[in-house]
């Protein structure tokens, strides 16, 4: 398992990535998500925008469910944070 996954497997994470990103390959986000799945994490979401490149902030900011999701999160005990 990737060390970063072990550190954040219980942290609520929502990964966003544009499938046509030519700055940071989408394979990086997919690898993190695969690692979270292997770790059996249940505290993550993944949204991939199929026709968007690196500039996804507008699509993300327009998601009505994002603020609700953010404010539902809580800190887990014993994570070291």
PDB file of N, CA and C in Angstrom:
ATOM      1  N   UNK A   1       0.837  -1.174   0.000  1.00  0.00           N
ATOM      2  CA  UNK A   1       0.000   0.000   0.000  1.00  0.00           C
ATOM      3  C   UNK A   1       0.891   1.251   0.000  1.00  0.00           C
ATOM      4  N   UNK A   2       0.453   2.288  -0.685  1.00  0.00           N
ATOM      5  CA  UNK A   2       1.207   3.534  -0.746  1.00  0.00           C
ATOM      6  C   UNK A   2       1.215   4.195   0.629  1.00  0.00           C
ATOM      7  N   UNK A   3       2.377   4.695   1.109  1.00  0.00           N
ATOM      8  CA  UNK A   3       2.447   5.319   2.444  1.00  0.00           C
ATOM      9  C   UNK A   3       1.436   6.455   2.624  1.00  0.00           C
ATOM     10  N   UNK A   4       1.190   7.220   1.584  1.00  0.00           N
ATOM     11  CA  UNK A   4       0.234   8.326   1.702  1.00  0.00           C
ATOM     12  C   UNK A   4      -1.165   7.800   1.987  1.00  0.00           C
ATOM     13  N   UNK A   5      -1.494   6.651   1.445  1.00  0.00           N
ATOM     14  CA  UNK A   5      -2.813   6.060   1.664  1.00  0.00           C
ATOM     15  C   UNK A   5      -2.958   5.643   3.123  1.00  0.00           C
ATOM     16  N   UNK A   6      -1.942   5.022   3.671  1.00  0.00           N
ATOM     17  CA  UNK A   6      -1.986   4.601   5.070  1.00  0.00           C
ATOM     18  C   UNK A   6      -2.228   5.794   5.982  1.00  0.00           C
ATOM     19  N   UNK A   7      -1.676   6.922   5.640  1.00  0.00           N
ATOM     20  CA  UNK A   7      -1.795   8.109   6.478  1.00  0.00           C
ATOM     21  C   UNK A   7      -3.190   8.732   6.393  1.00  0.00           C
ATOM     22  N   UNK A   8      -3.838   8.621   5.249  1.00  0.00           N
ATOM     23  CA  UNK A   8      -5.110   9.310   5.036  1.00  0.00           C
ATOM     24  C   UNK A   8      -6.301   8.386   4.801  1.00  0.00           C
ATOM     25  N   UNK A   9      -6.156   7.103   5.038  1.00  0.00           N
ATOM     26  CA  UNK A   9      -7.234   6.173   4.704  1.00  0.00           C
ATOM     27  C   UNK A   9      -8.517   6.426   5.489  1.00  0.00           C
ATOM     28  N   UNK A  10      -8.431   7.093   6.630  1.00  0.00           N
ATOM     29  CA  UNK A  10      -9.633   7.392   7.419  1.00  0.00           C
ATOM     30  C   UNK A  10     -10.023   8.859   7.338  1.00  0.00           C
ATOM     31  N   UNK A  11      -9.331   9.624   6.520  1.00  0.00           N
ATOM     32  CA  UNK A  11      -9.624  11.045   6.369  1.00  0.00           C
ATOM     33  C   UNK A  11     -10.621  11.235   5.235  1.00  0.00           C
ATOM     34  N   UNK A  12     -11.684  12.008   5.458  1.00  0.00           N
ATOM     35  CA  UNK A  12     -12.626  12.268   4.362  1.00  0.00           C
ATOM     36  C   UNK A  12     -11.935  13.010   3.212  1.00  0.00           C
ATOM     37  N   UNK A  13     -11.985  12.436   2.040  1.00  0.00           N
ATOM     38  CA  UNK A  13     -11.308  13.003   0.868  1.00  0.00           C
ATOM     39  C   UNK A  13     -12.270  12.963  -0.308  1.00  0.00           C
ATOM     40  N   UNK A  14     -12.299  14.050  -1.050  1.00  0.00           N
ATOM     41  CA  UNK A  14     -13.033  14.062  -2.315  1.00  0.00           C
ATOM     42  C   UNK A  14     -12.010  14.425  -3.377  1.00  0.00           C
ATOM     43  N   UNK A  15     -11.669  13.485  -4.215  1.00  0.00           N
ATOM     44  CA  UNK A  15     -10.672  13.673  -5.273  1.00  0.00           C
ATOM     45  C   UNK A  15     -11.387  14.136  -6.539  1.00  0.00           C
ATOM     46  N   UNK A  16     -10.904  15.224  -7.122  1.00  0.00           N
ATOM     47  CA  UNK A  16     -11.427  15.741  -8.385  1.00  0.00           C
ATOM     48  C   UNK A  16     -10.298  15.752  -9.394  1.00  0.00           C
ATOM     49  N   UNK A  17     -10.614  15.408 -10.632  1.00  0.00           N
ATOM     50  CA  UNK A  17      -9.576  15.458 -11.667  1.00  0.00           C
ATOM     51  C   UNK A  17     -10.220  15.556 -13.038  1.00  0.00           C
ATOM     52  N   UNK A  18      -9.574  16.286 -13.912  1.00  0.00           N
ATOM     53  CA  UNK A  18     -10.012  16.365 -15.300  1.00  0.00           C
ATOM     54  C   UNK A  18      -9.330  15.274 -16.105  1.00  0.00           C
ATOM     55  N   UNK A  19     -10.101  14.514 -16.850  1.00  0.00           N
ATOM     56  CA  UNK A  19      -9.544  13.395 -17.614  1.00  0.00           C
ATOM     57  C   UNK A  19      -8.573  13.856 -18.695  1.00  0.00           C
ATOM     58  N   UNK A  20      -8.716  15.093 -19.139  1.00  0.00           N
ATOM     59  CA  UNK A  20      -7.834  15.613 -20.195  1.00  0.00           C
ATOM     60  C   UNK A  20      -6.743  16.527 -19.635  1.00  0.00           C
ATOM     61  N   UNK A  21      -6.418  16.358 -18.379  1.00  0.00           N
ATOM     62  CA  UNK A  21      -5.390  17.178 -17.725  1.00  0.00           C
ATOM     63  C   UNK A  21      -4.037  16.896 -18.363  1.00  0.00           C
ATOM     64  N   UNK A  22      -3.397  17.931 -18.894  1.00  0.00           N
ATOM     65  CA  UNK A  22      -2.071  17.754 -19.491  1.00  0.00           C
ATOM     66  C   UNK A  22      -0.969  18.311 -18.592  1.00  0.00           C
ATOM     67  N   UNK A  23      -1.329  18.696 -17.361  1.00  0.00           N
ATOM     68  CA  UNK A  23      -0.344  19.177 -16.383  1.00  0.00           C
ATOM     69  C   UNK A  23      -0.036  18.080 -15.371  1.00  0.00           C
ATOM     70  N   UNK A  24      -1.085  17.530 -14.771  1.00  0.00           N
ATOM     71  CA  UNK A  24      -0.960  16.416 -13.829  1.00  0.00           C
ATOM     72  C   UNK A  24      -1.773  15.255 -14.416  1.00  0.00           C
ATOM     73  N   UNK A  25      -1.126  14.177 -14.795  1.00  0.00           N
ATOM     74  CA  UNK A  25      -1.853  13.063 -15.418  1.00  0.00           C
ATOM     75  C   UNK A  25      -2.969  12.522 -14.528  1.00  0.00           C
ATOM     76  N   UNK A  26      -4.103  12.230 -15.133  1.00  0.00           N
ATOM     77  CA  UNK A  26      -5.239  11.688 -14.396  1.00  0.00           C
ATOM     78  C   UNK A  26      -4.886  10.348 -13.753  1.00  0.00           C
ATOM     79  N   UNK A  27      -3.876   9.692 -14.247  1.00  0.00           N
ATOM     80  CA  UNK A  27      -3.452   8.416 -13.655  1.00  0.00           C
ATOM     81  C   UNK A  27      -3.013   8.590 -12.198  1.00  0.00           C
ATOM     82  N   UNK A  28      -2.537   9.777 -11.825  1.00  0.00           N
ATOM     83  CA  UNK A  28      -2.152  10.025 -10.430  1.00  0.00           C
ATOM     84  C   UNK A  28      -3.377   9.937  -9.526  1.00  0.00           C
ATOM     85  N   UNK A  29      -4.459  10.609  -9.913  1.00  0.00           N
ATOM     86  CA  UNK A  29      -5.683  10.577  -9.114  1.00  0.00           C
ATOM     87  C   UNK A  29      -6.255   9.165  -9.075  1.00  0.00           C
ATOM     88  N   UNK A  30      -6.238   8.500 -10.207  1.00  0.00           N
ATOM     89  CA  UNK A  30      -6.770   7.129 -10.256  1.00  0.00           C
ATOM     90  C   UNK A  30      -5.973   6.192  -9.355  1.00  0.00           C
ATOM     91  N   UNK A  31      -4.662   6.380  -9.287  1.00  0.00           N
ATOM     92  CA  UNK A  31      -3.815   5.544  -8.418  1.00  0.00           C
ATOM     93  C   UNK A  31      -4.151   5.782  -6.951  1.00  0.00           C
ATOM     94  N   UNK A  32      -4.387   7.038  -6.575  1.00  0.00           N
ATOM     95  CA  UNK A  32      -4.759   7.335  -5.193  1.00  0.00           C
ATOM     96  C   UNK A  32      -6.092   6.678  -4.861  1.00  0.00           C
ATOM     97  N   UNK A  33      -7.043   6.796  -5.760  1.00  0.00           N
ATOM     98  CA  UNK A  33      -8.359   6.189  -5.545  1.00  0.00           C
ATOM     99  C   UNK A  33      -8.249   4.666  -5.462  1.00  0.00           C
ATOM    100  N   UNK A  34      -7.436   4.073  -6.325  1.00  0.00           N
ATOM    101  CA  UNK A  34      -7.232   2.624  -6.253  1.00  0.00           C
ATOM    102  C   UNK A  34      -6.626   2.229  -4.908  1.00  0.00           C
ATOM    103  N   UNK A  35      -5.678   3.021  -4.421  1.00  0.00           N
ATOM    104  CA  UNK A  35      -5.077   2.746  -3.120  1.00  0.00           C
ATOM    105  C   UNK A  35      -6.088   2.847  -1.989  1.00  0.00           C
ATOM    106  N   UNK A  36      -6.965   3.841  -2.062  1.00  0.00           N
ATOM    107  CA  UNK A  36      -8.006   3.972  -1.045  1.00  0.00           C
ATOM    108  C   UNK A  36      -8.961   2.779  -1.080  1.00  0.00           C
ATOM    109  N   UNK A  37      -9.255   2.294  -2.270  1.00  0.00           N
ATOM    110  CA  UNK A  37     -10.116   1.111  -2.387  1.00  0.00           C
ATOM    111  C   UNK A  37      -9.443  -0.112  -1.782  1.00  0.00           C
ATOM    112  N   UNK A  38      -8.164  -0.281  -2.065  1.00  0.00           N
ATOM    113  CA  UNK A  38      -7.414  -1.413  -1.514  1.00  0.00           C
ATOM    114  C   UNK A  38      -7.372  -1.334   0.004  1.00  0.00           C
ATOM    115  N   UNK A  39      -7.255  -0.113   0.531  1.00  0.00           N
ATOM    116  CA  UNK A  39      -7.220   0.085   1.978  1.00  0.00           C
ATOM    117  C   UNK A  39      -8.604  -0.070   2.603  1.00  0.00           C
ATOM    118  N   UNK A  40      -9.598  -0.291   1.753  1.00  0.00           N
ATOM    119  CA  UNK A  40     -10.976  -0.464   2.207  1.00  0.00           C
ATOM    120  C   UNK A  40     -11.519   0.806   2.854  1.00  0.00           C
ATOM    121  N   UNK A  41     -11.031   1.939   2.389  1.00  0.00           N
ATOM    122  CA  UNK A  41     -11.501   3.227   2.891  1.00  0.00           C
ATOM    123  C   UNK A  41     -12.927   3.465   2.427  1.00  0.00           C
ATOM    124  N   UNK A  42     -13.726   3.998   3.307  1.00  0.00           N
ATOM    125  CA  UNK A  42     -15.099   4.353   2.951  1.00  0.00           C
ATOM    126  C   UNK A  42     -15.315   5.855   3.045  1.00  0.00           C
ATOM    127  N   UNK A  43     -14.239   6.605   3.250  1.00  0.00           N
ATOM    128  CA  UNK A  43     -14.374   8.036   3.481  1.00  0.00           C
ATOM    129  C   UNK A  43     -13.885   8.875   2.299  1.00  0.00           C
ATOM    130  N   UNK A  44     -14.040   8.368   1.081  1.00  0.00           N
ATOM    131  CA  UNK A  44     -13.607   9.146  -0.069  1.00  0.00           C
ATOM    132  C   UNK A  44     -14.634   9.118  -1.187  1.00  0.00           C
ATOM    133  N   UNK A  45     -14.555  10.138  -2.010  1.00  0.00           N
ATOM    134  CA  UNK A  45     -15.338  10.233  -3.244  1.00  0.00           C
ATOM    135  C   UNK A  45     -14.355  10.533  -4.366  1.00  0.00           C
ATOM    136  N   UNK A  46     -14.720  10.180  -5.567  1.00  0.00           N
ATOM    137  CA  UNK A  46     -13.895  10.512  -6.728  1.00  0.00           C
ATOM    138  C   UNK A  46     -14.800  11.027  -7.829  1.00  0.00           C
ATOM    139  N   UNK A  47     -14.476  12.201  -8.328  1.00  0.00           N
ATOM    140  CA  UNK A  47     -15.205  12.769  -9.454  1.00  0.00           C
ATOM    141  C   UNK A  47     -14.195  13.103 -10.537  1.00  0.00           C
ATOM    142  N   UNK A  48     -14.387  12.488 -11.682  1.00  0.00           N
ATOM    143  CA  UNK A  48     -13.515  12.742 -12.835  1.00  0.00           C
ATOM    144  C   UNK A  48     -14.366  13.424 -13.905  1.00  0.00           C
ATOM    145  N   UNK A  49     -13.904  14.569 -14.354  1.00  0.00           N
ATOM    146  CA  UNK A  49     -14.608  15.311 -15.386  1.00  0.00           C
ATOM    147  C   UNK A  49     -14.050  14.886 -16.741  1.00  0.00           C
ATOM    148  N   UNK A  50     -14.837  14.182 -17.548  1.00  0.00           N
ATOM    149  CA  UNK A  50     -14.314  13.545 -18.766  1.00  0.00           C
ATOM    150  C   UNK A  50     -13.813  14.502 -19.847  1.00  0.00           C
ATOM    151  N   UNK A  51     -14.398  15.681 -19.958  1.00  0.00           N
ATOM    152  CA  UNK A  51     -14.021  16.583 -21.049  1.00  0.00           C
ATOM    153  C   UNK A  51     -13.297  17.828 -20.564  1.00  0.00           C
ATOM    154  N   UNK A  52     -12.648  17.737 -19.413  1.00  0.00           N
ATOM    155  CA  UNK A  52     -11.993  18.905 -18.814  1.00  0.00           C
ATOM    156  C   UNK A  52     -10.520  18.590 -18.598  1.00  0.00           C
ATOM    157  N   UNK A  53      -9.701  19.634 -18.719  1.00  0.00           N
ATOM    158  CA  UNK A  53      -8.270  19.489 -18.495  1.00  0.00           C
ATOM    159  C   UNK A  53      -7.903  19.823 -17.059  1.00  0.00           C
ATOM    160  N   UNK A  54      -6.846  20.616 -16.908  1.00  0.00           N
ATOM    161  CA  UNK A  54      -6.318  20.938 -15.586  1.00  0.00           C
ATOM    162  C   UNK A  54      -7.202  21.928 -14.819  1.00  0.00           C
ATOM    163  N   UNK A  55      -7.871  22.804 -15.503  1.00  0.00           N
ATOM    164  CA  UNK A  55      -8.680  23.860 -14.873  1.00  0.00           C
ATOM    165  C   UNK A  55     -10.076  23.342 -14.543  1.00  0.00           C
ATOM    166  N   UNK A  56     -10.211  22.673 -13.401  1.00  0.00           N
ATOM    167  CA  UNK A  56     -11.510  22.096 -13.031  1.00  0.00           C
ATOM    168  C   UNK A  56     -12.209  22.882 -11.937  1.00  0.00           C
ATOM    169  N   UNK A  57     -11.572  23.933 -11.432  1.00  0.00           N
ATOM    170  CA  UNK A  57     -12.124  24.643 -10.275  1.00  0.00           C
ATOM    171  C   UNK A  57     -13.539  25.144 -10.517  1.00  0.00           C
ATOM    172  N   UNK A  58     -13.847  25.571 -11.734  1.00  0.00           N
ATOM    173  CA  UNK A  58     -15.184  26.091 -12.009  1.00  0.00           C
ATOM    174  C   UNK A  58     -16.238  24.987 -11.900  1.00  0.00           C
ATOM    175  N   UNK A  59     -15.951  23.828 -12.469  1.00  0.00           N
ATOM    176  CA  UNK A  59     -16.885  22.709 -12.386  1.00  0.00           C
ATOM    177  C   UNK A  59     -17.079  22.274 -10.931  1.00  0.00           C
ATOM    178  N   UNK A  60     -15.985  22.226 -10.188  1.00  0.00           N
ATOM    179  CA  UNK A  60     -16.060  21.806  -8.792  1.00  0.00           C
ATOM    180  C   UNK A  60     -16.858  22.825  -7.977  1.00  0.00           C
ATOM    181  N   UNK A  61     -16.588  24.093  -8.176  1.00  0.00           N
ATOM    182  CA  UNK A  61     -17.269  25.124  -7.381  1.00  0.00           C
ATOM    183  C   UNK A  61     -18.758  25.207  -7.680  1.00  0.00           C
ATOM    184  N   UNK A  62     -19.183  24.714  -8.821  1.00  0.00           N
ATOM    185  CA  UNK A  62     -20.600  24.741  -9.186  1.00  0.00           C
ATOM    186  C   UNK A  62     -21.369  23.508  -8.703  1.00  0.00           C
ATOM    187  N   UNK A  63     -20.702  22.591  -8.030  1.00  0.00           N
ATOM    188  CA  UNK A  63     -21.374  21.386  -7.540  1.00  0.00           C
ATOM    189  C   UNK A  63     -22.151  21.718  -6.266  1.00  0.00           C
ATOM    190  N   UNK A  64     -23.481  21.682  -6.310  1.00  0.00           N
ATOM    191  CA  UNK A  64     -24.265  22.063  -5.128  1.00  0.00           C
ATOM    192  C   UNK A  64     -24.040  21.154  -3.923  1.00  0.00           C
ATOM    193  N   UNK A  65     -23.683  19.914  -4.163  1.00  0.00           N
ATOM    194  CA  UNK A  65     -23.506  18.974  -3.046  1.00  0.00           C
ATOM    195  C   UNK A  65     -22.165  19.129  -2.335  1.00  0.00           C
ATOM    196  N   UNK A  66     -21.235  19.893  -2.901  1.00  0.00           N
ATOM    197  CA  UNK A  66     -19.898  20.011  -2.313  1.00  0.00           C
ATOM    198  C   UNK A  66     -19.924  20.658  -0.931  1.00  0.00           C
ATOM    199  N   UNK A  67     -20.580  21.793  -0.785  1.00  0.00           N
ATOM    200  CA  UNK A  67     -20.568  22.457   0.526  1.00  0.00           C
ATOM    201  C   UNK A  67     -21.278  21.609   1.577  1.00  0.00           C
ATOM    202  N   UNK A  68     -22.361  20.938   1.202  1.00  0.00           N
ATOM    203  CA  UNK A  68     -23.026  20.044   2.154  1.00  0.00           C
ATOM    204  C   UNK A  68     -22.082  18.937   2.603  1.00  0.00           C
ATOM    205  N   UNK A  69     -21.348  18.361   1.653  1.00  0.00           N
ATOM    206  CA  UNK A  69     -20.406  17.290   1.981  1.00  0.00           C
ATOM    207  C   UNK A  69     -19.309  17.806   2.915  1.00  0.00           C
ATOM    208  N   UNK A  70     -18.763  18.965   2.598  1.00  0.00           N
ATOM    209  CA  UNK A  70     -17.682  19.536   3.417  1.00  0.00           C
ATOM    210  C   UNK A  70     -18.135  19.709   4.861  1.00  0.00           C
ATOM    211  N   UNK A  71     -19.310  20.282   5.047  1.00  0.00           N
ATOM    212  CA  UNK A  71     -19.761  20.585   6.404  1.00  0.00           C
ATOM    213  C   UNK A  71     -20.277  19.372   7.165  1.00  0.00           C
ATOM    214  N   UNK A  72     -20.445  18.239   6.508  1.00  0.00           N
ATOM    215  CA  UNK A  72     -20.804  16.996   7.199  1.00  0.00           C
ATOM    216  C   UNK A  72     -19.584  16.256   7.742  1.00  0.00           C
ATOM    217  N   UNK A  73     -18.405  16.664   7.339  1.00  0.00           N
ATOM    218  CA  UNK A  73     -17.200  15.923   7.720  1.00  0.00           C
ATOM    219  C   UNK A  73     -16.811  16.208   9.158  1.00  0.00           C
ATOM    220  N   UNK A  74     -16.160  15.232   9.745  1.00  0.00           N
ATOM    221  CA  UNK A  74     -15.648  15.390  11.100  1.00  0.00           C
ATOM    222  C   UNK A  74     -14.288  14.728  11.206  1.00  0.00           C
ATOM    223  N   UNK A  75     -13.558  15.158  12.158  1.00  0.00           N
ATOM    224  CA  UNK A  75     -12.216  14.625  12.384  1.00  0.00           C
ATOM    225  C   UNK A  75     -12.311  13.274  13.082  1.00  0.00           C
ATOM    226  N   UNK A  76     -11.564  12.300  12.580  1.00  0.00           N
ATOM    227  CA  UNK A  76     -11.501  10.994  13.223  1.00  0.00           C
ATOM    228  C   UNK A  76     -10.481  11.037  14.355  1.00  0.00           C
ATOM    229  N   UNK A  77     -10.723  10.310  15.385  1.00  0.00           N
ATOM    230  CA  UNK A  77      -9.767  10.210  16.495  1.00  0.00           C
ATOM    231  C   UNK A  77      -8.602   9.311  16.097  1.00  0.00           C
ATOM    232  N   UNK A  78      -7.479   9.495  16.737  1.00  0.00           N
ATOM    233  CA  UNK A  78      -6.288   8.661  16.564  1.00  0.00           C
ATOM    234  C   UNK A  78      -5.704   8.714  15.150  1.00  0.00           C
ATOM    235  N   UNK A  79      -5.841   9.837  14.461  1.00  0.00           N
ATOM    236  CA  UNK A  79      -5.222   9.951  13.146  1.00  0.00           C
ATOM    237  C   UNK A  79      -3.936  10.747  13.208  1.00  0.00           C
ATOM    238  N   UNK A  80      -3.678  11.380  14.354  1.00  0.00           N
ATOM    239  CA  UNK A  80      -2.460  12.170  14.500  1.00  0.00           C
ATOM    240  C   UNK A  80      -2.613  13.599  14.003  1.00  0.00           C
ATOM    241  N   UNK A  81      -3.836  14.013  13.698  1.00  0.00           N
ATOM    242  CA  UNK A  81      -4.070  15.378  13.213  1.00  0.00           C
ATOM    243  C   UNK A  81      -4.993  16.124  14.137  1.00  0.00           C
TER     244      UNK A  81
END
